[in-house]
Amino acid sequence: LEAQRAAVQKGQLEPSTQAPHLDGQGLGVDFGFRVADSEVDHETLRLVKIQCPGVEHRDVEVELLFNGCQVTVRRRASCGVEAANWTKRFEFPPQDGLFEFKEDQMRLEHGFLHLVFRAYAFHSRVVRFPKHFALSETDADQWWDYPEDIACDMMAQNHSEQVKTAPAACTES
């Protein structure tokens, strides 16, 4: 199965099903593309293959969208290749499922840009704020209601080491 996954990533394995509602002019023309689904390790992968000769890595920008992406290619002119700007949104219908972009599998090789999306299921979860310290929680101890001399006595009882260093207001003159 790992060999099959690697073959899909290298473009050596033909995808199992075509996604006709997303198919472009097909391959064989500048910026022609093909979108197809493939099953690998019981996972559905949606593969986008875009023909873009003369394009370098720095010419490609992929903006992630909900259930898809927008690809922008800014090809610079070179010997025998005209400069071109091309943008295409690949948005997959929710009825096809949810797809996440696998940026670690994006590659540009031999004039083809390969984008890989993995189908996933949404999992509901509950999110809560973490517990925060609030001064209002210490209001119940009524520490401020004690006269100064009683507060000092209580401090002395609770913290015997601090009696020696008690404030001057707590010592009798």
N, C-alpha and C. Protein backbone atom coordinates (compact mmCIF):
# COMPACT_ATOMS: atom_id res chain seq x y z
N LEU A 1 0.82 -1.20 0.00
CA LEU A 1 0.00 0.00 0.00
C LEU A 1 0.86 1.26 0.00
N GLU A 2 2.00 1.21 0.70
CA GLU A 2 2.90 2.37 0.68
C GLU A 2 3.42 2.61 -0.72
N ALA A 3 3.68 1.55 -1.45
CA ALA A 3 4.16 1.70 -2.84
C ALA A 3 3.08 2.36 -3.70
N GLN A 4 1.81 1.99 -3.46
CA GLN A 4 0.71 2.60 -4.21
C GLN A 4 0.59 4.09 -3.87
N ARG A 5 0.71 4.44 -2.58
CA ARG A 5 0.66 5.85 -2.17
C ARG A 5 1.81 6.63 -2.82
N ALA A 6 3.00 6.06 -2.81
CA ALA A 6 4.15 6.73 -3.42
C ALA A 6 3.94 6.90 -4.92
N ALA A 7 3.34 5.91 -5.56
CA ALA A 7 3.08 6.01 -7.01
C ALA A 7 2.09 7.13 -7.31
N VAL A 8 1.08 7.30 -6.47
CA VAL A 8 0.12 8.39 -6.67
C VAL A 8 0.85 9.72 -6.51
N GLN A 9 1.69 9.81 -5.49
CA GLN A 9 2.42 11.06 -5.26
C GLN A 9 3.36 11.38 -6.41
N LYS A 10 3.93 10.38 -7.03
CA LYS A 10 4.87 10.60 -8.13
C LYS A 10 4.15 10.73 -9.47
N GLY A 11 2.84 10.56 -9.47
CA GLY A 11 2.09 10.70 -10.71
C GLY A 11 2.19 9.47 -11.61
N GLN A 12 2.67 8.34 -11.08
CA GLN A 12 2.84 7.14 -11.87
C GLN A 12 1.58 6.27 -11.87
N LEU A 13 0.68 6.49 -10.95
CA LEU A 13 -0.53 5.70 -10.85
C LEU A 13 -1.69 6.54 -11.35
N GLU A 14 -2.42 6.03 -12.28
CA GLU A 14 -3.57 6.77 -12.81
C GLU A 14 -4.68 6.78 -11.78
N PRO A 15 -5.26 7.93 -11.54
CA PRO A 15 -6.37 8.00 -10.60
C PRO A 15 -7.53 7.13 -11.06
N SER A 16 -8.33 6.69 -10.10
CA SER A 16 -9.39 5.73 -10.40
C SER A 16 -10.62 6.36 -11.02
N THR A 17 -10.96 7.57 -10.64
CA THR A 17 -12.17 8.18 -11.19
C THR A 17 -11.91 9.63 -11.54
N GLN A 18 -12.52 10.04 -12.59
CA GLN A 18 -12.43 11.42 -13.04
C GLN A 18 -13.49 12.24 -12.33
N ALA A 19 -13.20 13.47 -12.01
CA ALA A 19 -14.18 14.37 -11.44
C ALA A 19 -14.62 15.30 -12.57
N PRO A 20 -15.60 14.89 -13.39
CA PRO A 20 -15.91 15.60 -14.62
C PRO A 20 -16.36 17.04 -14.43
N HIS A 21 -17.02 17.35 -13.32
CA HIS A 21 -17.49 18.71 -13.11
C HIS A 21 -16.33 19.68 -12.87
N LEU A 22 -15.11 19.15 -12.67
CA LEU A 22 -13.97 20.00 -12.41
C LEU A 22 -12.90 19.90 -13.50
N ASP A 23 -13.15 19.13 -14.52
CA ASP A 23 -12.13 18.93 -15.55
C ASP A 23 -12.00 20.17 -16.41
N GLY A 24 -10.77 20.57 -16.66
CA GLY A 24 -10.49 21.74 -17.49
C GLY A 24 -10.43 21.34 -18.95
N GLN A 25 -9.59 22.05 -19.69
CA GLN A 25 -9.45 21.74 -21.11
C GLN A 25 -8.73 20.41 -21.30
N GLY A 26 -8.32 19.83 -20.20
CA GLY A 26 -7.53 18.61 -20.27
C GLY A 26 -6.07 18.96 -20.38
N LEU A 27 -5.25 17.96 -20.32
CA LEU A 27 -3.82 18.19 -20.42
C LEU A 27 -3.43 18.29 -21.89
N GLY A 28 -2.29 18.90 -22.16
CA GLY A 28 -1.83 19.05 -23.54
C GLY A 28 -1.80 20.49 -23.99
N VAL A 29 -2.34 21.40 -23.20
CA VAL A 29 -2.31 22.83 -23.49
C VAL A 29 -1.79 23.55 -22.24
N ASP A 30 -1.23 24.74 -22.45
CA ASP A 30 -0.76 25.51 -21.30
C ASP A 30 -1.89 25.73 -20.31
N PHE A 31 -1.63 25.42 -19.08
CA PHE A 31 -2.54 25.58 -17.96
C PHE A 31 -3.81 24.73 -18.08
N GLY A 32 -3.74 23.71 -18.90
CA GLY A 32 -4.81 22.72 -18.90
C GLY A 32 -4.69 21.93 -17.60
N PHE A 33 -5.79 21.40 -17.13
CA PHE A 33 -5.72 20.67 -15.87
C PHE A 33 -6.67 19.49 -15.87
N ARG A 34 -6.43 18.62 -14.92
CA ARG A 34 -7.27 17.44 -14.73
C ARG A 34 -7.44 17.23 -13.23
N VAL A 35 -8.66 16.97 -12.82
CA VAL A 35 -8.97 16.69 -11.42
C VAL A 35 -9.55 15.28 -11.35
N ALA A 36 -8.99 14.44 -10.49
CA ALA A 36 -9.46 13.06 -10.40
C ALA A 36 -9.33 12.57 -8.97
N ASP A 37 -10.14 11.58 -8.63
CA ASP A 37 -10.10 10.95 -7.31
C ASP A 37 -9.39 9.62 -7.40
N SER A 38 -8.74 9.25 -6.31
CA SER A 38 -8.05 7.97 -6.23
C SER A 38 -8.20 7.42 -4.82
N GLU A 39 -8.33 6.10 -4.70
CA GLU A 39 -8.40 5.43 -3.40
C GLU A 39 -7.03 4.90 -3.05
N VAL A 40 -6.51 5.31 -1.88
CA VAL A 40 -5.21 4.83 -1.41
C VAL A 40 -5.35 4.57 0.09
N ASP A 41 -5.05 3.34 0.51
CA ASP A 41 -5.15 2.96 1.92
C ASP A 41 -6.52 3.30 2.51
N HIS A 42 -7.56 3.02 1.77
CA HIS A 42 -8.95 3.27 2.19
C HIS A 42 -9.22 4.77 2.41
N GLU A 43 -8.43 5.61 1.78
CA GLU A 43 -8.64 7.06 1.83
C GLU A 43 -8.88 7.56 0.41
N THR A 44 -9.74 8.55 0.30
CA THR A 44 -9.96 9.16 -1.00
C THR A 44 -9.03 10.36 -1.13
N LEU A 45 -8.26 10.37 -2.20
CA LEU A 45 -7.41 11.51 -2.52
C LEU A 45 -7.97 12.19 -3.75
N ARG A 46 -8.03 13.49 -3.73
CA ARG A 46 -8.43 14.26 -4.92
C ARG A 46 -7.14 14.88 -5.45
N LEU A 47 -6.82 14.51 -6.68
CA LEU A 47 -5.57 14.94 -7.30
C LEU A 47 -5.85 15.99 -8.37
N VAL A 48 -5.12 17.08 -8.32
CA VAL A 48 -5.23 18.14 -9.31
C VAL A 48 -3.88 18.20 -10.02
N LYS A 49 -3.91 18.05 -11.34
CA LYS A 49 -2.68 18.08 -12.15
C LYS A 49 -2.83 19.20 -13.17
N ILE A 50 -1.91 20.17 -13.12
CA ILE A 50 -1.98 21.35 -13.98
C ILE A 50 -0.72 21.38 -14.85
N GLN A 51 -0.92 21.50 -16.16
CA GLN A 51 0.22 21.59 -17.07
C GLN A 51 0.69 23.05 -17.11
N CYS A 52 1.95 23.26 -16.75
CA CYS A 52 2.47 24.64 -16.72
C CYS A 52 3.96 24.66 -17.08
N PRO A 53 4.26 24.49 -18.37
CA PRO A 53 5.66 24.48 -18.79
C PRO A 53 6.33 25.83 -18.57
N GLY A 54 7.60 25.78 -18.20
CA GLY A 54 8.36 27.00 -17.99
C GLY A 54 8.11 27.66 -16.65
N VAL A 55 7.35 27.04 -15.79
CA VAL A 55 7.02 27.61 -14.48
C VAL A 55 8.03 27.10 -13.45
N GLU A 56 8.46 28.01 -12.59
CA GLU A 56 9.36 27.66 -11.50
C GLU A 56 8.60 27.73 -10.18
N HIS A 57 9.18 27.14 -9.15
CA HIS A 57 8.52 27.11 -7.85
C HIS A 57 8.10 28.50 -7.37
N ARG A 58 8.95 29.48 -7.57
CA ARG A 58 8.65 30.83 -7.09
C ARG A 58 7.51 31.49 -7.87
N ASP A 59 7.10 30.90 -8.99
CA ASP A 59 6.01 31.45 -9.81
C ASP A 59 4.64 30.99 -9.34
N VAL A 60 4.59 30.07 -8.39
CA VAL A 60 3.33 29.43 -7.99
C VAL A 60 2.89 29.92 -6.62
N GLU A 61 1.60 30.25 -6.53
CA GLU A 61 1.00 30.62 -5.24
C GLU A 61 -0.31 29.85 -5.12
N VAL A 62 -0.51 29.21 -3.96
CA VAL A 62 -1.73 28.45 -3.70
C VAL A 62 -2.39 29.05 -2.47
N GLU A 63 -3.57 29.61 -2.65
CA GLU A 63 -4.34 30.15 -1.54
C GLU A 63 -5.39 29.13 -1.14
N LEU A 64 -5.38 28.75 0.12
CA LEU A 64 -6.33 27.74 0.59
C LEU A 64 -7.69 28.36 0.83
N LEU A 65 -8.72 27.66 0.38
CA LEU A 65 -10.10 28.06 0.54
C LEU A 65 -10.84 26.94 1.25
N PHE A 66 -12.08 27.21 1.66
CA PHE A 66 -12.89 26.12 2.20
C PHE A 66 -13.11 25.10 1.10
N ASN A 67 -12.69 23.88 1.34
CA ASN A 67 -12.89 22.76 0.42
C ASN A 67 -12.27 23.01 -0.97
N GLY A 68 -11.09 23.58 -0.96
CA GLY A 68 -10.43 23.81 -2.24
C GLY A 68 -9.28 24.79 -2.12
N CYS A 69 -8.92 25.38 -3.26
CA CYS A 69 -7.83 26.34 -3.28
C CYS A 69 -7.95 27.22 -4.52
N GLN A 70 -7.19 28.28 -4.52
CA GLN A 70 -7.06 29.12 -5.71
C GLN A 70 -5.58 29.12 -6.08
N VAL A 71 -5.29 28.73 -7.31
CA VAL A 71 -3.92 28.65 -7.79
C VAL A 71 -3.65 29.86 -8.68
N THR A 72 -2.54 30.53 -8.41
CA THR A 72 -2.09 31.64 -9.25
C THR A 72 -0.69 31.31 -9.74
N VAL A 73 -0.51 31.37 -11.05
CA VAL A 73 0.79 31.11 -11.66
C VAL A 73 1.19 32.38 -12.41
N ARG A 74 2.37 32.88 -12.11
CA ARG A 74 2.92 34.05 -12.81
C ARG A 74 4.20 33.60 -13.51
N ARG A 75 4.02 33.09 -14.73
CA ARG A 75 5.16 32.56 -15.49
C ARG A 75 5.90 33.72 -16.15
N ARG A 76 7.20 33.72 -15.99
CA ARG A 76 8.03 34.73 -16.62
C ARG A 76 8.46 34.24 -18.00
N ALA A 77 8.69 35.17 -18.89
CA ALA A 77 9.11 34.82 -20.25
C ALA A 77 10.51 34.20 -20.21
N SER A 78 10.71 33.22 -21.05
CA SER A 78 12.02 32.61 -21.21
C SER A 78 12.13 32.16 -22.67
N CYS A 79 13.22 31.59 -23.02
CA CYS A 79 13.46 31.19 -24.41
C CYS A 79 12.35 30.24 -24.89
N GLY A 80 11.54 30.69 -25.84
CA GLY A 80 10.49 29.87 -26.41
C GLY A 80 9.20 29.80 -25.61
N VAL A 81 9.16 30.50 -24.47
CA VAL A 81 7.97 30.47 -23.61
C VAL A 81 7.53 31.90 -23.32
N GLU A 82 6.27 32.19 -23.59
CA GLU A 82 5.74 33.53 -23.33
C GLU A 82 5.40 33.70 -21.86
N ALA A 83 5.50 34.94 -21.40
CA ALA A 83 5.07 35.25 -20.04
C ALA A 83 3.56 35.05 -19.96
N ALA A 84 3.09 34.63 -18.81
CA ALA A 84 1.64 34.41 -18.65
C ALA A 84 1.28 34.51 -17.17
N ASN A 85 0.07 35.01 -16.93
CA ASN A 85 -0.54 35.00 -15.60
C ASN A 85 -1.80 34.16 -15.70
N TRP A 86 -1.96 33.24 -14.78
CA TRP A 86 -3.11 32.32 -14.81
C TRP A 86 -3.60 32.11 -13.39
N THR A 87 -4.91 32.19 -13.21
CA THR A 87 -5.53 31.96 -11.90
C THR A 87 -6.73 31.05 -12.08
N LYS A 88 -6.87 30.08 -11.19
CA LYS A 88 -8.00 29.16 -11.25
C LYS A 88 -8.40 28.77 -9.82
N ARG A 89 -9.71 28.84 -9.55
CA ARG A 89 -10.26 28.39 -8.26
C ARG A 89 -10.70 26.94 -8.41
N PHE A 90 -10.24 26.11 -7.53
CA PHE A 90 -10.68 24.72 -7.46
C PHE A 90 -11.49 24.59 -6.17
N GLU A 91 -12.82 24.63 -6.32
CA GLU A 91 -13.71 24.51 -5.18
C GLU A 91 -14.52 23.24 -5.35
N PHE A 92 -14.41 22.35 -4.39
CA PHE A 92 -15.09 21.07 -4.47
C PHE A 92 -16.44 21.17 -3.79
N PRO A 93 -17.49 20.72 -4.45
CA PRO A 93 -18.84 20.79 -3.85
C PRO A 93 -18.91 20.00 -2.54
N PRO A 94 -19.58 20.55 -1.54
CA PRO A 94 -19.70 19.85 -0.26
C PRO A 94 -20.32 18.46 -0.39
N GLN A 95 -21.19 18.25 -1.39
CA GLN A 95 -21.78 16.92 -1.55
C GLN A 95 -20.73 15.88 -1.96
N ASP A 96 -19.56 16.32 -2.45
CA ASP A 96 -18.45 15.40 -2.73
C ASP A 96 -17.71 15.00 -1.47
N GLY A 97 -17.94 15.73 -0.39
CA GLY A 97 -17.23 15.51 0.87
C GLY A 97 -16.33 16.69 1.18
N LEU A 98 -15.65 16.60 2.32
CA LEU A 98 -14.72 17.64 2.74
C LEU A 98 -13.30 17.21 2.37
N PHE A 99 -12.51 18.16 1.88
CA PHE A 99 -11.15 17.86 1.45
C PHE A 99 -10.18 18.85 2.09
N GLU A 100 -9.06 18.32 2.58
CA GLU A 100 -8.01 19.17 3.11
C GLU A 100 -6.79 19.09 2.21
N PHE A 101 -6.16 20.23 2.02
CA PHE A 101 -4.99 20.33 1.15
C PHE A 101 -3.78 19.74 1.86
N LYS A 102 -3.01 18.94 1.16
CA LYS A 102 -1.81 18.31 1.70
C LYS A 102 -0.59 19.04 1.12
N GLU A 103 -0.20 20.13 1.75
CA GLU A 103 0.87 20.95 1.18
C GLU A 103 2.21 20.22 1.12
N ASP A 104 2.42 19.24 1.98
CA ASP A 104 3.67 18.49 1.93
C ASP A 104 3.75 17.58 0.71
N GLN A 105 2.63 17.40 0.00
CA GLN A 105 2.62 16.57 -1.20
C GLN A 105 2.53 17.40 -2.48
N MET A 106 2.49 18.72 -2.37
CA MET A 106 2.47 19.59 -3.54
C MET A 106 3.85 19.54 -4.19
N ARG A 107 3.85 19.43 -5.53
CA ARG A 107 5.13 19.40 -6.23
C ARG A 107 4.99 19.95 -7.63
N LEU A 108 6.10 20.42 -8.17
CA LEU A 108 6.19 20.94 -9.52
C LEU A 108 7.32 20.18 -10.19
N GLU A 109 6.95 19.32 -11.14
CA GLU A 109 7.94 18.48 -11.81
C GLU A 109 7.61 18.36 -13.28
N HIS A 110 8.63 18.49 -14.12
CA HIS A 110 8.52 18.26 -15.56
C HIS A 110 7.37 19.03 -16.20
N GLY A 111 7.15 20.26 -15.75
CA GLY A 111 6.12 21.10 -16.34
C GLY A 111 4.71 20.82 -15.84
N PHE A 112 4.57 20.07 -14.76
CA PHE A 112 3.25 19.78 -14.18
C PHE A 112 3.25 20.15 -12.70
N LEU A 113 2.21 20.84 -12.29
CA LEU A 113 1.98 21.15 -10.89
C LEU A 113 1.00 20.13 -10.36
N HIS A 114 1.37 19.45 -9.29
CA HIS A 114 0.52 18.41 -8.68
C HIS A 114 0.06 18.89 -7.31
N LEU A 115 -1.25 18.90 -7.10
CA LEU A 115 -1.84 19.26 -5.82
C LEU A 115 -2.62 18.06 -5.31
N VAL A 116 -2.52 17.79 -4.03
CA VAL A 116 -3.19 16.62 -3.44
C VAL A 116 -4.09 17.09 -2.30
N PHE A 117 -5.33 16.61 -2.33
CA PHE A 117 -6.30 16.86 -1.28
C PHE A 117 -6.72 15.51 -0.71
N ARG A 118 -6.92 15.45 0.60
CA ARG A 118 -7.35 14.22 1.26
C ARG A 118 -8.76 14.43 1.81
N ALA A 119 -9.64 13.48 1.52
CA ALA A 119 -11.00 13.53 2.06
C ALA A 119 -10.93 13.27 3.57
N TYR A 120 -11.76 13.99 4.31
CA TYR A 120 -11.82 13.77 5.74
C TYR A 120 -13.24 13.99 6.23
N ALA A 121 -13.53 13.42 7.38
CA ALA A 121 -14.86 13.57 7.98
C ALA A 121 -14.77 14.63 9.07
N PHE A 122 -15.76 15.48 9.14
CA PHE A 122 -15.82 16.51 10.18
C PHE A 122 -16.19 15.85 11.49
N HIS A 123 -15.49 16.21 12.55
CA HIS A 123 -15.79 15.69 13.88
C HIS A 123 -16.18 16.86 14.78
N SER A 124 -17.38 16.79 15.32
CA SER A 124 -17.86 17.82 16.23
C SER A 124 -17.10 17.73 17.55
N ARG A 125 -16.86 18.88 18.17
CA ARG A 125 -16.19 18.89 19.47
C ARG A 125 -16.63 20.11 20.24
N VAL A 126 -16.46 20.06 21.55
CA VAL A 126 -16.83 21.16 22.43
C VAL A 126 -15.55 21.87 22.85
N VAL A 127 -15.58 23.19 22.83
CA VAL A 127 -14.42 23.99 23.23
C VAL A 127 -14.86 24.91 24.36
N ARG A 128 -14.08 24.95 25.43
CA ARG A 128 -14.37 25.82 26.56
C ARG A 128 -13.13 26.65 26.88
N PHE A 129 -13.37 27.80 27.50
CA PHE A 129 -12.25 28.60 27.95
C PHE A 129 -11.56 27.89 29.10
N PRO A 130 -10.24 28.02 29.22
CA PRO A 130 -9.57 27.46 30.40
C PRO A 130 -9.94 28.27 31.64
N LYS A 131 -9.75 27.68 32.82
CA LYS A 131 -10.08 28.38 34.05
C LYS A 131 -9.13 29.55 34.23
N HIS A 132 -9.68 30.72 34.49
CA HIS A 132 -8.89 31.93 34.68
C HIS A 132 -8.96 32.37 36.14
N PHE A 133 -7.90 32.98 36.60
CA PHE A 133 -7.88 33.54 37.94
C PHE A 133 -8.73 34.81 37.93
N ALA A 134 -9.58 34.96 38.92
CA ALA A 134 -10.42 36.14 39.03
C ALA A 134 -10.34 36.67 40.46
N LEU A 135 -10.08 37.95 40.61
CA LEU A 135 -10.01 38.54 41.94
C LEU A 135 -11.32 38.42 42.69
N SER A 136 -12.43 38.39 41.98
CA SER A 136 -13.74 38.29 42.63
C SER A 136 -13.89 36.97 43.39
N GLU A 137 -13.13 35.96 43.02
CA GLU A 137 -13.21 34.68 43.73
C GLU A 137 -12.63 34.79 45.13
N THR A 138 -11.67 35.70 45.34
CA THR A 138 -11.07 35.85 46.68
C THR A 138 -11.85 36.83 47.53
N ASP A 139 -12.86 37.48 47.00
CA ASP A 139 -13.68 38.41 47.78
C ASP A 139 -14.42 37.69 48.91
N ALA A 140 -14.72 36.45 48.76
CA ALA A 140 -15.48 35.70 49.76
C ALA A 140 -14.69 35.50 51.05
N ASP A 141 -13.35 35.59 51.02
CA ASP A 141 -12.58 35.39 52.25
C ASP A 141 -12.63 36.60 53.18
N GLN A 142 -13.10 37.73 52.69
CA GLN A 142 -13.29 38.97 53.46
C GLN A 142 -12.03 39.38 54.21
N TRP A 143 -10.90 39.17 53.63
CA TRP A 143 -9.62 39.51 54.24
C TRP A 143 -9.53 41.00 54.57
N TRP A 144 -10.18 41.84 53.78
CA TRP A 144 -10.11 43.29 53.98
C TRP A 144 -10.95 43.77 55.17
N ASP A 145 -11.83 42.92 55.72
CA ASP A 145 -12.73 43.34 56.80
C ASP A 145 -12.09 43.30 58.19
N TYR A 146 -10.86 42.81 58.32
CA TYR A 146 -10.25 42.69 59.64
C TYR A 146 -9.52 43.97 60.01
N PRO A 147 -9.66 44.38 61.26
CA PRO A 147 -8.86 45.52 61.71
C PRO A 147 -7.38 45.17 61.60
N GLU A 148 -6.55 46.17 61.53
CA GLU A 148 -5.12 45.98 61.28
C GLU A 148 -4.48 45.06 62.29
N ASP A 149 -4.77 45.22 63.59
CA ASP A 149 -4.12 44.40 64.61
C ASP A 149 -4.57 42.95 64.55
N ILE A 150 -5.85 42.68 64.20
CA ILE A 150 -6.33 41.30 64.07
C ILE A 150 -5.73 40.65 62.83
N ALA A 151 -5.62 41.41 61.76
CA ALA A 151 -5.03 40.89 60.53
C ALA A 151 -3.59 40.50 60.77
N CYS A 152 -2.86 41.32 61.54
CA CYS A 152 -1.47 40.99 61.84
C CYS A 152 -1.39 39.73 62.70
N ASP A 153 -2.30 39.59 63.68
CA ASP A 153 -2.31 38.39 64.52
C ASP A 153 -2.59 37.14 63.67
N MET A 154 -3.54 37.26 62.74
CA MET A 154 -3.88 36.12 61.90
C MET A 154 -2.69 35.77 61.00
N MET A 155 -2.00 36.79 60.51
CA MET A 155 -0.83 36.54 59.69
C MET A 155 0.24 35.82 60.50
N ALA A 156 0.41 36.22 61.73
CA ALA A 156 1.41 35.62 62.59
C ALA A 156 1.07 34.17 62.87
N GLN A 157 -0.19 33.86 63.06
CA GLN A 157 -0.59 32.48 63.32
C GLN A 157 -0.37 31.59 62.09
N ASN A 158 -0.70 32.13 60.92
CA ASN A 158 -0.60 31.33 59.69
C ASN A 158 0.83 31.25 59.16
N HIS A 159 1.61 32.24 59.47
CA HIS A 159 2.97 32.29 58.92
C HIS A 159 3.94 32.68 60.02
N SER A 160 4.31 31.74 60.84
CA SER A 160 5.14 32.03 62.02
C SER A 160 6.48 32.65 61.65
N GLU A 161 7.02 32.34 60.51
CA GLU A 161 8.31 32.90 60.11
C GLU A 161 8.20 34.38 59.79
N GLN A 162 7.06 34.82 59.38
CA GLN A 162 6.90 36.21 58.96
C GLN A 162 6.65 37.15 60.13
N VAL A 163 6.45 36.63 61.35
CA VAL A 163 6.19 37.48 62.53
C VAL A 163 7.38 38.39 62.77
N LYS A 164 8.60 37.83 62.57
CA LYS A 164 9.82 38.60 62.82
C LYS A 164 9.92 39.79 61.87
N THR A 165 9.38 39.65 60.67
CA THR A 165 9.49 40.71 59.67
C THR A 165 8.17 41.40 59.45
N ALA A 166 7.26 41.38 60.42
CA ALA A 166 5.96 42.00 60.28
C ALA A 166 6.14 43.51 60.14
N PRO A 167 5.20 44.17 59.45
CA PRO A 167 5.29 45.62 59.28
C PRO A 167 5.28 46.35 60.62
N ALA A 168 5.83 47.52 60.64
CA ALA A 168 5.94 48.31 61.87
C ALA A 168 4.58 48.61 62.47
N ALA A 169 3.56 48.74 61.68
CA ALA A 169 2.22 49.05 62.16
C ALA A 169 1.67 47.92 63.04
N CYS A 170 2.19 46.72 62.95
CA CYS A 170 1.69 45.59 63.72
C CYS A 170 2.45 45.42 65.03
N THR A 171 3.49 46.19 65.24
CA THR A 171 4.25 46.06 66.49
C THR A 171 3.78 47.14 67.45
N GLU A 172 3.78 46.80 68.73
CA GLU A 172 3.36 47.77 69.73
C GLU A 172 4.55 48.62 70.12
N SER A 173 4.29 49.92 70.36
CA SER A 173 5.38 50.82 70.74
C SER A 173 5.38 51.03 72.22
